[in-house]
PDB file of N, CA and C in Angstrom:
ATOM      1  N   MET A   1      -4.830   2.599 -19.052  1.00  0.00           N
ATOM      2  CA  MET A   1      -3.935   2.155 -17.994  1.00  0.00           C
ATOM      3  C   MET A   1      -3.876   3.226 -16.907  1.00  0.00           C
ATOM      4  N   GLU A   2      -4.039   2.777 -15.669  1.00  0.00           N
ATOM      5  CA  GLU A   2      -3.977   3.685 -14.530  1.00  0.00           C
ATOM      6  C   GLU A   2      -2.679   3.463 -13.774  1.00  0.00           C
ATOM      7  N   GLU A   3      -1.582   3.788 -14.370  1.00  0.00           N
ATOM      8  CA  GLU A   3      -0.300   3.562 -13.715  1.00  0.00           C
ATOM      9  C   GLU A   3       0.489   4.856 -13.644  1.00  0.00           C
ATOM     10  N   ASN A   4       1.463   4.868 -12.774  1.00  0.00           N
ATOM     11  CA  ASN A   4       2.346   6.010 -12.581  1.00  0.00           C
ATOM     12  C   ASN A   4       1.576   7.275 -12.237  1.00  0.00           C
ATOM     13  N   LYS A   5       0.852   7.189 -11.122  1.00  0.00           N
ATOM     14  CA  LYS A   5       0.146   8.362 -10.623  1.00  0.00           C
ATOM     15  C   LYS A   5      -0.038   8.229  -9.119  1.00  0.00           C
ATOM     16  N   ALA A   6      -0.296   9.343  -8.471  1.00  0.00           N
ATOM     17  CA  ALA A   6      -0.557   9.355  -7.036  1.00  0.00           C
ATOM     18  C   ALA A   6      -1.989   8.906  -6.792  1.00  0.00           C
ATOM     19  N   ILE A   7      -2.185   8.064  -5.763  1.00  0.00           N
ATOM     20  CA  ILE A   7      -3.522   7.600  -5.418  1.00  0.00           C
ATOM     21  C   ILE A   7      -3.730   7.714  -3.915  1.00  0.00           C
ATOM     22  N   ARG A   8      -4.988   7.500  -3.485  1.00  0.00           N
ATOM     23  CA  ARG A   8      -5.314   7.547  -2.066  1.00  0.00           C
ATOM     24  C   ARG A   8      -5.587   6.132  -1.574  1.00  0.00           C
ATOM     25  N   VAL A   9      -5.703   5.971  -0.265  1.00  0.00           N
ATOM     26  CA  VAL A   9      -5.892   4.649   0.340  1.00  0.00           C
ATOM     27  C   VAL A   9      -7.133   3.963  -0.211  1.00  0.00           C
ATOM     28  N   GLU A  10      -8.224   4.692  -0.352  1.00  0.00           N
ATOM     29  CA  GLU A  10      -9.472   4.070  -0.800  1.00  0.00           C
ATOM     30  C   GLU A  10      -9.418   3.592  -2.249  1.00  0.00           C
ATOM     31  N   ASP A  11      -8.411   4.027  -3.020  1.00  0.00           N
ATOM     32  CA  ASP A  11      -8.268   3.606  -4.411  1.00  0.00           C
ATOM     33  C   ASP A  11      -7.432   2.341  -4.579  1.00  0.00           C
ATOM     34  N   LEU A  12      -6.839   1.835  -3.489  1.00  0.00           N
ATOM     35  CA  LEU A  12      -5.999   0.642  -3.580  1.00  0.00           C
ATOM     36  C   LEU A  12      -6.829  -0.583  -3.944  1.00  0.00           C
ATOM     37  N   GLN A  13      -6.271  -1.442  -4.788  1.00  0.00           N
ATOM     38  CA  GLN A  13      -6.917  -2.677  -5.195  1.00  0.00           C
ATOM     39  C   GLN A  13      -5.936  -3.833  -5.024  1.00  0.00           C
ATOM     40  N   ILE A  14      -6.482  -5.044  -4.965  1.00  0.00           N
ATOM     41  CA  ILE A  14      -5.638  -6.229  -4.833  1.00  0.00           C
ATOM     42  C   ILE A  14      -4.756  -6.360  -6.074  1.00  0.00           C
ATOM     43  N   GLY A  15      -3.466  -6.573  -5.872  1.00  0.00           N
ATOM     44  CA  GLY A  15      -2.528  -6.726  -6.974  1.00  0.00           C
ATOM     45  C   GLY A  15      -1.785  -5.453  -7.335  1.00  0.00           C
ATOM     46  N   ASP A  16      -2.178  -4.306  -6.779  1.00  0.00           N
ATOM     47  CA  ASP A  16      -1.475  -3.057  -7.060  1.00  0.00           C
ATOM     48  C   ASP A  16      -0.058  -3.105  -6.502  1.00  0.00           C
ATOM     49  N   GLU A  17       0.866  -2.529  -7.242  1.00  0.00           N
ATOM     50  CA  GLU A  17       2.224  -2.354  -6.746  1.00  0.00           C
ATOM     51  C   GLU A  17       2.426  -0.866  -6.543  1.00  0.00           C
ATOM     52  N   VAL A  18       2.800  -0.486  -5.318  1.00  0.00           N
ATOM     53  CA  VAL A  18       2.892   0.925  -4.964  1.00  0.00           C
ATOM     54  C   VAL A  18       4.215   1.224  -4.269  1.00  0.00           C
ATOM     55  N   ILE A  19       4.601   2.490  -4.341  1.00  0.00           N
ATOM     56  CA  ILE A  19       5.748   2.999  -3.596  1.00  0.00           C
ATOM     57  C   ILE A  19       5.204   3.971  -2.563  1.00  0.00           C
ATOM     58  N   VAL A  20       5.684   3.848  -1.320  1.00  0.00           N
ATOM     59  CA  VAL A  20       5.240   4.719  -0.241  1.00  0.00           C
ATOM     60  C   VAL A  20       6.440   5.494   0.287  1.00  0.00           C
ATOM     61  N   THR A  21       6.289   6.774   0.441  1.00  0.00           N
ATOM     62  CA  THR A  21       7.308   7.688   0.954  1.00  0.00           C
ATOM     63  C   THR A  21       8.657   7.530   0.259  1.00  0.00           C
ATOM     64  N   GLY A  22       8.637   7.130  -0.986  1.00  0.00           N
ATOM     65  CA  GLY A  22       9.837   7.123  -1.806  1.00  0.00           C
ATOM     66  C   GLY A  22      10.762   5.933  -1.666  1.00  0.00           C
ATOM     67  N   ILE A  23      10.618   5.130  -0.602  1.00  0.00           N
ATOM     68  CA  ILE A  23      11.584   4.047  -0.419  1.00  0.00           C
ATOM     69  C   ILE A  23      10.973   2.672  -0.210  1.00  0.00           C
ATOM     70  N   ARG A  24       9.695   2.583   0.155  1.00  0.00           N
ATOM     71  CA  ARG A  24       9.063   1.290   0.425  1.00  0.00           C
ATOM     72  C   ARG A  24       8.253   0.860  -0.790  1.00  0.00           C
ATOM     73  N   TYR A  25       8.430  -0.374  -1.232  1.00  0.00           N
ATOM     74  CA  TYR A  25       7.746  -0.911  -2.415  1.00  0.00           C
ATOM     75  C   TYR A  25       6.866  -2.074  -1.969  1.00  0.00           C
ATOM     76  N   PHE A  26       5.554  -1.960  -2.191  1.00  0.00           N
ATOM     77  CA  PHE A  26       4.597  -2.950  -1.724  1.00  0.00           C
ATOM     78  C   PHE A  26       3.742  -3.486  -2.857  1.00  0.00           C
ATOM     79  N   LYS A  27       3.278  -4.730  -2.689  1.00  0.00           N
ATOM     80  CA  LYS A  27       2.235  -5.301  -3.538  1.00  0.00           C
ATOM     81  C   LYS A  27       1.055  -5.581  -2.619  1.00  0.00           C
ATOM     82  N   ILE A  28      -0.113  -5.042  -2.949  1.00  0.00           N
ATOM     83  CA  ILE A  28      -1.292  -5.144  -2.106  1.00  0.00           C
ATOM     84  C   ILE A  28      -1.893  -6.546  -2.215  1.00  0.00           C
ATOM     85  N   LEU A  29      -2.113  -7.200  -1.069  1.00  0.00           N
ATOM     86  CA  LEU A  29      -2.678  -8.542  -1.038  1.00  0.00           C
ATOM     87  C   LEU A  29      -4.138  -8.559  -0.599  1.00  0.00           C
ATOM     88  N   LYS A  30      -4.584  -7.497   0.076  1.00  0.00           N
ATOM     89  CA  LYS A  30      -5.958  -7.439   0.568  1.00  0.00           C
ATOM     90  C   LYS A  30      -6.464  -6.003   0.450  1.00  0.00           C
ATOM     91  N   LYS A  31      -7.712  -5.849   0.060  1.00  0.00           N
ATOM     92  CA  LYS A  31      -8.300  -4.525  -0.118  1.00  0.00           C
ATOM     93  C   LYS A  31      -8.449  -3.828   1.240  1.00  0.00           C
ATOM     94  N   PRO A  32      -8.185  -2.512   1.308  1.00  0.00           N
ATOM     95  CA  PRO A  32      -8.293  -1.796   2.583  1.00  0.00           C
ATOM     96  C   PRO A  32      -9.729  -1.785   3.107  1.00  0.00           C
ATOM     97  N   ALA A  33      -9.886  -1.923   4.422  1.00  0.00           N
ATOM     98  CA  ALA A  33     -11.191  -1.889   5.069  1.00  0.00           C
ATOM     99  C   ALA A  33     -11.270  -0.645   5.956  1.00  0.00           C
ATOM    100  N   ILE A  34     -12.468  -0.105   6.087  1.00  0.00           N
ATOM    101  CA  ILE A  34     -12.663   1.089   6.912  1.00  0.00           C
ATOM    102  C   ILE A  34     -12.606   0.703   8.388  1.00  0.00           C
ATOM    103  N   ARG A  35     -11.910   1.517   9.165  1.00  0.00           N
ATOM    104  CA  ARG A  35     -11.806   1.302  10.609  1.00  0.00           C
ATOM    105  C   ARG A  35     -13.125   1.750  11.241  1.00  0.00           C
ATOM    106  N   ILE A  36     -13.736   0.886  12.032  1.00  0.00           N
ATOM    107  CA  ILE A  36     -15.033   1.195  12.631  1.00  0.00           C
ATOM    108  C   ILE A  36     -14.870   2.021  13.901  1.00  0.00           C
ATOM    109  N   LYS A  37     -13.958   1.614  14.766  1.00  0.00           N
ATOM    110  CA  LYS A  37     -13.739   2.359  16.007  1.00  0.00           C
ATOM    111  C   LYS A  37     -12.825   3.550  15.733  1.00  0.00           C
ATOM    112  N   THR A  38     -13.048   4.617  16.470  1.00  0.00           N
ATOM    113  CA  THR A  38     -12.167   5.772  16.349  1.00  0.00           C
ATOM    114  C   THR A  38     -10.868   5.495  17.097  1.00  0.00           C
ATOM    115  N   THR A  39      -9.808   6.117  16.641  1.00  0.00           N
ATOM    116  CA  THR A  39      -8.519   5.957  17.296  1.00  0.00           C
ATOM    117  C   THR A  39      -8.399   6.970  18.418  1.00  0.00           C
ATOM    118  N   GLN A  40      -7.316   6.941  19.138  1.00  0.00           N
ATOM    119  CA  GLN A  40      -7.118   7.905  20.223  1.00  0.00           C
ATOM    120  C   GLN A  40      -6.982   9.328  19.697  1.00  0.00           C
ATOM    121  N   TRP A  41      -6.701   9.454  18.378  1.00  0.00           N
ATOM    122  CA  TRP A  41      -6.610  10.774  17.766  1.00  0.00           C
ATOM    123  C   TRP A  41      -7.954  11.211  17.195  1.00  0.00           C
ATOM    124  N   GLY A  42      -8.956  10.329  17.253  1.00  0.00           N
ATOM    125  CA  GLY A  42     -10.297  10.658  16.799  1.00  0.00           C
ATOM    126  C   GLY A  42     -10.526  10.517  15.314  1.00  0.00           C
ATOM    127  N   ALA A  43      -9.606   9.928  14.590  1.00  0.00           N
ATOM    128  CA  ALA A  43      -9.735   9.825  13.136  1.00  0.00           C
ATOM    129  C   ALA A  43     -10.336   8.482  12.746  1.00  0.00           C
ATOM    130  N   ASN A  44     -11.298   8.509  11.847  1.00  0.00           N
ATOM    131  CA  ASN A  44     -11.826   7.277  11.260  1.00  0.00           C
ATOM    132  C   ASN A  44     -11.147   7.093   9.923  1.00  0.00           C
ATOM    133  N   GLY A  45     -10.157   6.260   9.870  1.00  0.00           N
ATOM    134  CA  GLY A  45      -9.423   6.025   8.638  1.00  0.00           C
ATOM    135  C   GLY A  45      -9.609   4.601   8.174  1.00  0.00           C
ATOM    136  N   TYR A  46      -8.600   4.063   7.561  1.00  0.00           N
ATOM    137  CA  TYR A  46      -8.608   2.690   7.082  1.00  0.00           C
ATOM    138  C   TYR A  46      -7.709   1.848   7.962  1.00  0.00           C
ATOM    139  N   LYS A  47      -8.039   0.556   8.066  1.00  0.00           N
ATOM    140  CA  LYS A  47      -7.206  -0.372   8.821  1.00  0.00           C
ATOM    141  C   LYS A  47      -5.896  -0.593   8.076  1.00  0.00           C
ATOM    142  N   SER A  48      -4.931  -1.157   8.763  1.00  0.00           N
ATOM    143  CA  SER A  48      -3.685  -1.523   8.105  1.00  0.00           C
ATOM    144  C   SER A  48      -3.974  -2.570   7.037  1.00  0.00           C
ATOM    145  N   VAL A  49      -3.266  -2.482   5.924  1.00  0.00           N
ATOM    146  CA  VAL A  49      -3.523  -3.321   4.762  1.00  0.00           C
ATOM    147  C   VAL A  49      -2.474  -4.427   4.692  1.00  0.00           C
ATOM    148  N   LYS A  50      -2.922  -5.659   4.416  1.00  0.00           N
ATOM    149  CA  LYS A  50      -1.991  -6.776   4.246  1.00  0.00           C
ATOM    150  C   LYS A  50      -1.332  -6.633   2.881  1.00  0.00           C
ATOM    151  N   CYS A  51      -0.010  -6.638   2.868  1.00  0.00           N
ATOM    152  CA  CYS A  51       0.706  -6.461   1.614  1.00  0.00           C
ATOM    153  C   CYS A  51       2.043  -7.205   1.661  1.00  0.00           C
ATOM    154  N   LEU A  52       2.653  -7.295   0.511  1.00  0.00           N
ATOM    155  CA  LEU A  52       3.939  -7.950   0.365  1.00  0.00           C
ATOM    156  C   LEU A  52       5.005  -6.864   0.287  1.00  0.00           C
ATOM    157  N   ASP A  53       5.908  -6.844   1.242  1.00  0.00           N
ATOM    158  CA  ASP A  53       6.998  -5.867   1.268  1.00  0.00           C
ATOM    159  C   ASP A  53       8.089  -6.387   0.343  1.00  0.00           C
ATOM    160  N   MET A  54       8.207  -5.752  -0.812  1.00  0.00           N
ATOM    161  CA  MET A  54       9.174  -6.199  -1.827  1.00  0.00           C
ATOM    162  C   MET A  54      10.421  -5.340  -1.678  1.00  0.00           C
ATOM    163  N   GLN A  55      11.412  -5.881  -1.010  1.00  0.00           N
ATOM    164  CA  GLN A  55      12.617  -5.126  -0.708  1.00  0.00           C
ATOM    165  C   GLN A  55      13.487  -5.015  -1.955  1.00  0.00           C
ATOM    166  N   LEU A  56      13.724  -3.780  -2.352  1.00  0.00           N
ATOM    167  CA  LEU A  56      14.539  -3.516  -3.528  1.00  0.00           C
ATOM    168  C   LEU A  56      15.823  -2.816  -3.119  1.00  0.00           C
ATOM    169  N   SER A  57      16.882  -3.119  -3.815  1.00  0.00           N
ATOM    170  CA  SER A  57      18.142  -2.423  -3.590  1.00  0.00           C
ATOM    171  C   SER A  57      18.872  -2.339  -4.919  1.00  0.00           C
ATOM    172  N   LYS A  58      19.989  -1.668  -4.918  1.00  0.00           N
ATOM    173  CA  LYS A  58      20.742  -1.553  -6.169  1.00  0.00           C
ATOM    174  C   LYS A  58      21.368  -2.883  -6.584  1.00  0.00           C
ATOM    175  N   PHE A  59      21.352  -3.874  -5.672  1.00  0.00           N
ATOM    176  CA  PHE A  59      21.911  -5.187  -5.974  1.00  0.00           C
ATOM    177  C   PHE A  59      20.844  -6.191  -6.409  1.00  0.00           C
ATOM    178  N   GLY A  60      19.590  -5.765  -6.506  1.00  0.00           N
ATOM    179  CA  GLY A  60      18.502  -6.668  -6.897  1.00  0.00           C
ATOM    180  C   GLY A  60      17.465  -6.772  -5.798  1.00  0.00           C
ATOM    181  N   ARG A  61      16.596  -7.756  -5.917  1.00  0.00           N
ATOM    182  CA  ARG A  61      15.533  -7.924  -4.938  1.00  0.00           C
ATOM    183  C   ARG A  61      15.988  -8.784  -3.782  1.00  0.00           C
ATOM    184  N   GLY A  62      15.544  -8.389  -2.600  1.00  0.00           N
ATOM    185  CA  GLY A  62      15.806  -9.173  -1.402  1.00  0.00           C
ATOM    186  C   GLY A  62      14.654 -10.123  -1.161  1.00  0.00           C
ATOM    187  N   LYS A  63      14.514 -10.570   0.087  1.00  0.00           N
ATOM    188  CA  LYS A  63      13.411 -11.457   0.436  1.00  0.00           C
ATOM    189  C   LYS A  63      12.126 -10.648   0.565  1.00  0.00           C
ATOM    190  N   ASP A  64      11.036 -11.179  -0.011  1.00  0.00           N
ATOM    191  CA  ASP A  64       9.730 -10.558   0.139  1.00  0.00           C
ATOM    192  C   ASP A  64       9.089 -11.099   1.411  1.00  0.00           C
ATOM    193  N   ARG A  65       8.370 -10.235   2.126  1.00  0.00           N
ATOM    194  CA  ARG A  65       7.704 -10.695   3.344  1.00  0.00           C
ATOM    195  C   ARG A  65       6.331 -10.056   3.448  1.00  0.00           C
ATOM    196  N   GLU A  66       5.386 -10.804   4.011  1.00  0.00           N
ATOM    197  CA  GLU A  66       4.042 -10.302   4.209  1.00  0.00           C
ATOM    198  C   GLU A  66       4.012  -9.445   5.468  1.00  0.00           C
ATOM    199  N   VAL A  67       3.469  -8.241   5.345  1.00  0.00           N
ATOM    200  CA  VAL A  67       3.371  -7.323   6.466  1.00  0.00           C
ATOM    201  C   VAL A  67       2.018  -6.624   6.417  1.00  0.00           C
ATOM    202  N   TYR A  68       1.641  -6.001   7.519  1.00  0.00           N
ATOM    203  CA  TYR A  68       0.483  -5.107   7.557  1.00  0.00           C
ATOM    204  C   TYR A  68       1.035  -3.692   7.644  1.00  0.00           C
ATOM    205  N   TYR A  69       0.586  -2.811   6.745  1.00  0.00           N
ATOM    206  CA  TYR A  69       1.121  -1.459   6.694  1.00  0.00           C
ATOM    207  C   TYR A  69      -0.031  -0.461   6.739  1.00  0.00           C
ATOM    208  N   ASP A  70       0.138   0.584   7.527  1.00  0.00           N
ATOM    209  CA  ASP A  70      -0.875   1.628   7.659  1.00  0.00           C
ATOM    210  C   ASP A  70      -0.615   2.701   6.595  1.00  0.00           C
ATOM    211  N   PHE A  71      -1.467   2.746   5.581  1.00  0.00           N
ATOM    212  CA  PHE A  71      -1.301   3.701   4.485  1.00  0.00           C
ATOM    213  C   PHE A  71      -1.983   5.040   4.747  1.00  0.00           C
ATOM    214  N   ASN A  72      -2.652   5.200   5.910  1.00  0.00           N
ATOM    215  CA  ASN A  72      -3.290   6.476   6.233  1.00  0.00           C
ATOM    216  C   ASN A  72      -2.226   7.569   6.327  1.00  0.00           C
ATOM    217  N   TYR A  73      -2.513   8.711   5.761  1.00  0.00           N
ATOM    218  CA  TYR A  73      -1.633   9.888   5.803  1.00  0.00           C
ATOM    219  C   TYR A  73      -0.282   9.656   5.130  1.00  0.00           C
ATOM    220  N   CYS A  74      -0.225   8.745   4.144  1.00  0.00           N
ATOM    221  CA  CYS A  74       1.000   8.486   3.391  1.00  0.00           C
ATOM    222  C   CYS A  74       0.828   8.965   1.950  1.00  0.00           C
ATOM    223  N   ASN A  75       1.924   9.329   1.338  1.00  0.00           N
ATOM    224  CA  ASN A  75       1.917   9.610  -0.097  1.00  0.00           C
ATOM    225  C   ASN A  75       2.113   8.278  -0.812  1.00  0.00           C
ATOM    226  N   ILE A  76       1.117   7.885  -1.633  1.00  0.00           N
ATOM    227  CA  ILE A  76       1.139   6.581  -2.295  1.00  0.00           C
ATOM    228  C   ILE A  76       1.259   6.802  -3.796  1.00  0.00           C
ATOM    229  N   TRP A  77       2.237   6.167  -4.410  1.00  0.00           N
ATOM    230  CA  TRP A  77       2.452   6.265  -5.854  1.00  0.00           C
ATOM    231  C   TRP A  77       2.185   4.901  -6.480  1.00  0.00           C
ATOM    232  N   LEU A  78       1.197   4.844  -7.378  1.00  0.00           N
ATOM    233  CA  LEU A  78       0.848   3.600  -8.058  1.00  0.00           C
ATOM    234  C   LEU A  78       1.857   3.322  -9.169  1.00  0.00           C
ATOM    235  N   VAL A  79       2.545   2.184  -9.083  1.00  0.00           N
ATOM    236  CA  VAL A  79       3.542   1.816 -10.068  1.00  0.00           C
ATOM    237  C   VAL A  79       2.932   0.902 -11.136  1.00  0.00           C
ATOM    238  N   LYS A  80       2.180  -0.119 -10.664  1.00  0.00           N
ATOM    239  CA  LYS A  80       1.614  -1.088 -11.591  1.00  0.00           C
ATOM    240  C   LYS A  80       0.295  -1.588 -11.047  1.00  0.00           C
ATOM    241  N   ARG A  81      -0.702  -1.708 -11.914  1.00  0.00           N
ATOM    242  CA  ARG A  81      -2.009  -2.238 -11.519  1.00  0.00           C
ATOM    243  C   ARG A  81      -2.320  -3.454 -12.348  1.00  0.00           C
ATOM    244  N   GLU A  82      -2.585  -4.586 -11.675  1.00  0.00           N
ATOM    245  CA  GLU A  82      -2.962  -5.811 -12.376  1.00  0.00           C
ATOM    246  C   GLU A  82      -4.450  -5.742 -12.692  1.00  0.00           C
ATOM    247  N   THR A  83      -4.806  -6.042 -13.918  1.00  0.00           N
ATOM    248  CA  THR A  83      -6.213  -6.095 -14.295  1.00  0.00           C
ATOM    249  C   THR A  83      -6.648  -7.556 -14.325  1.00  0.00           C
ATOM    250  N   ILE A  84      -7.722  -7.826 -13.645  1.00  0.00           N
ATOM    251  CA  ILE A  84      -8.209  -9.205 -13.530  1.00  0.00           C
ATOM    252  C   ILE A  84      -9.315  -9.443 -14.532  1.00  0.00           C
TER     253      ILE A  84
END
C-alpha cells in the first residue's frame, strides 16, 4: 500500500485522495499532463489537474465540486490510493 506519504505532481494517479497545504482535500479525476509552453516565469511544469474538491469540516462533508488545481510547487500528502 502506498498511502500516507508525501508525493510529487508526477506521481499523481486517477482516484488518489490527497491533502494539499494542510487544509485542501482533493480526489484526482484526471492524470496530470506536462505543460508544453513555458510560463512567464520560464518554468515547464504540469498543467492544472481536474479534481474533486472535497470540502471537509468538523461538522462533516460539504458539497463536492469539480475544480482545476495547480499542484506545482505544493506539498502533496497522499491519503488514499485506489487500485484498479
